[in-house]
Structure formats: structure tokens, C-alpha cells
Protein backbone atom coordinates (compact mmCIF):
# COMPACT_ATOMS: atom_id res chain seq x y z
CA MET A 1 44.35 -159.15 -72.78
CA ASN A 2 42.31 -157.85 -75.86
CA LYS A 3 43.90 -155.77 -78.51
CA ASN A 4 42.13 -153.29 -80.81
CA GLU A 5 41.57 -154.97 -84.40
CA TYR A 6 42.43 -151.63 -86.26
CA PHE A 7 44.94 -148.88 -86.08
CA VAL A 8 45.86 -145.81 -88.29
CA GLU A 9 49.73 -144.11 -88.29
CA GLU A 10 49.60 -140.51 -89.22
CA TYR A 11 52.98 -139.16 -90.54
CA ASP A 12 53.99 -135.65 -91.04
CA ASP A 13 57.10 -135.26 -93.53
CA GLY A 14 57.82 -139.10 -93.07
CA GLU A 15 58.02 -138.73 -89.23
CA LEU A 16 55.48 -140.81 -87.21
CA ILE A 17 53.35 -138.37 -85.17
CA SER A 18 50.45 -140.45 -83.87
CA THR A 19 49.10 -143.83 -83.76
CA THR A 20 45.32 -144.36 -82.87
CA ASP A 21 43.66 -147.74 -82.30
CA PHE A 22 40.21 -148.35 -83.35
CA ASP A 23 37.77 -151.33 -82.32
CA ASP A 24 35.81 -150.94 -85.68
CA VAL A 25 36.66 -150.62 -89.38
CA ASN A 26 34.09 -147.66 -89.97
CA SER A 27 35.70 -145.58 -87.18
CA ALA A 28 39.25 -146.39 -88.68
CA LEU A 29 38.29 -145.68 -92.20
CA ARG A 30 36.82 -142.30 -91.12
CA PHE A 31 39.84 -141.34 -89.08
CA TYR A 32 42.13 -142.35 -92.22
CA ALA A 33 40.21 -140.32 -94.61
CA THR A 34 40.46 -137.29 -92.35
CA SER A 35 44.01 -137.58 -91.90
CA TRP A 36 44.74 -137.26 -95.57
CA ARG A 37 42.28 -134.63 -95.87
CA ASN A 38 43.93 -132.58 -93.21
CA GLY A 39 47.38 -133.19 -95.13
CA TYR A 40 48.86 -136.08 -93.20
CA HIS A 41 50.23 -139.19 -94.64
CA ALA A 42 48.27 -141.97 -92.94
CA GLU A 43 48.53 -145.78 -93.11
CA LEU A 44 45.70 -148.00 -91.98
CA TYR A 45 46.48 -151.53 -90.44
CA ARG A 46 44.49 -154.49 -89.25
CA ASN A 47 45.52 -156.70 -86.55
CA LYS A 48 44.65 -160.53 -87.11
CA LEU A 49 43.70 -161.79 -83.62
CA ASP A 50 43.63 -165.27 -82.24
CA LEU A 51 40.65 -166.38 -80.06
CA ASP A 52 42.39 -165.10 -76.78
CA GLY A 53 42.74 -161.46 -78.63
CA ASN A 54 46.70 -161.97 -79.29
CA ILE A 55 47.97 -160.36 -82.49
CA ILE A 56 49.33 -163.07 -84.76
CA LYS A 57 49.68 -160.94 -87.82
CA THR A 58 49.58 -157.23 -88.86
CA GLU A 59 48.26 -156.36 -92.20
CA LYS A 60 48.23 -153.07 -94.21
CA PHE A 61 44.86 -151.69 -95.51
CA LYS A 62 45.68 -152.60 -99.16
CA GLU A 63 46.72 -156.20 -98.25
CA THR A 64 43.67 -156.63 -95.90
CA TRP A 65 40.92 -156.02 -98.59
CA LYS A 66 42.29 -157.67 -101.44
């Protein structure tokens, strides 16, 4: 089973309101920026996948691109 590599969580007043999955970083970054512009707190994550597409680790945006 193949998983999406990136996902964005949106929060409103500290409450999770949505989680959206993406296959590519450009789409995830666009959605992340739009969420902030629309007044939501957003977190961007990257799933590290093994060769079979299973998630082995999830990293936050700032940890992923150090």
C-alpha cells in the first residue's frame, strides 16, 4: 500500500480542522502557504517511506529541510 509523502495539518484556535495529503512537495508548500494566508495555523510534515511505501518516520517541515 503506497502512502502520500507529504501532508499538511490545519488548526483553528488550536483545534485540528483538516489533514490534507500530497504526493509532491510543491503542492504541499502551496497549500501550507495558503492556509497561513487564510488565517489558519498550519504544520507541514514529510513521511519517510521504505521501499514498499510504508511510513518509517514522520518529520515536521523544519526538521525535514535542515
